[in-house]
Amino acid sequence: MTQSWQQVPGTGEVISVCALDDGTIVGIGADHRLYARPNLAGWIEIPDSGDVIAATVLTDGTILGVGTDARRCTGGGGRSPAAAR
């Protein structure tokens, strides 16, 4: 990569991101809560996600997280977090 990185406007403070198959971005906020960004309108907190330090998306769309207690947790049920609001 020869180009410099540019900050994306309006993205807030996140410490990690991953993407769902539908293009929704899932991010871990600086507050360790999970957020979804289904479009460019902004982040939506994922209800009852708890505090996490890492997250990934499984092949069925389920979000697998690592809680601040170092235990694994799952959620999302294979659908976009924005649909669960």
Foldseek 3Di string as FASTA:
>chain_A
DPDDDDDDPQAAAFDDWEAFPQGWIWTQHPQQFIWIDNDPPHTDTQPPRAGFDDWYADPLRWIWTQHPVRDIDIDDRSHGSVVVD
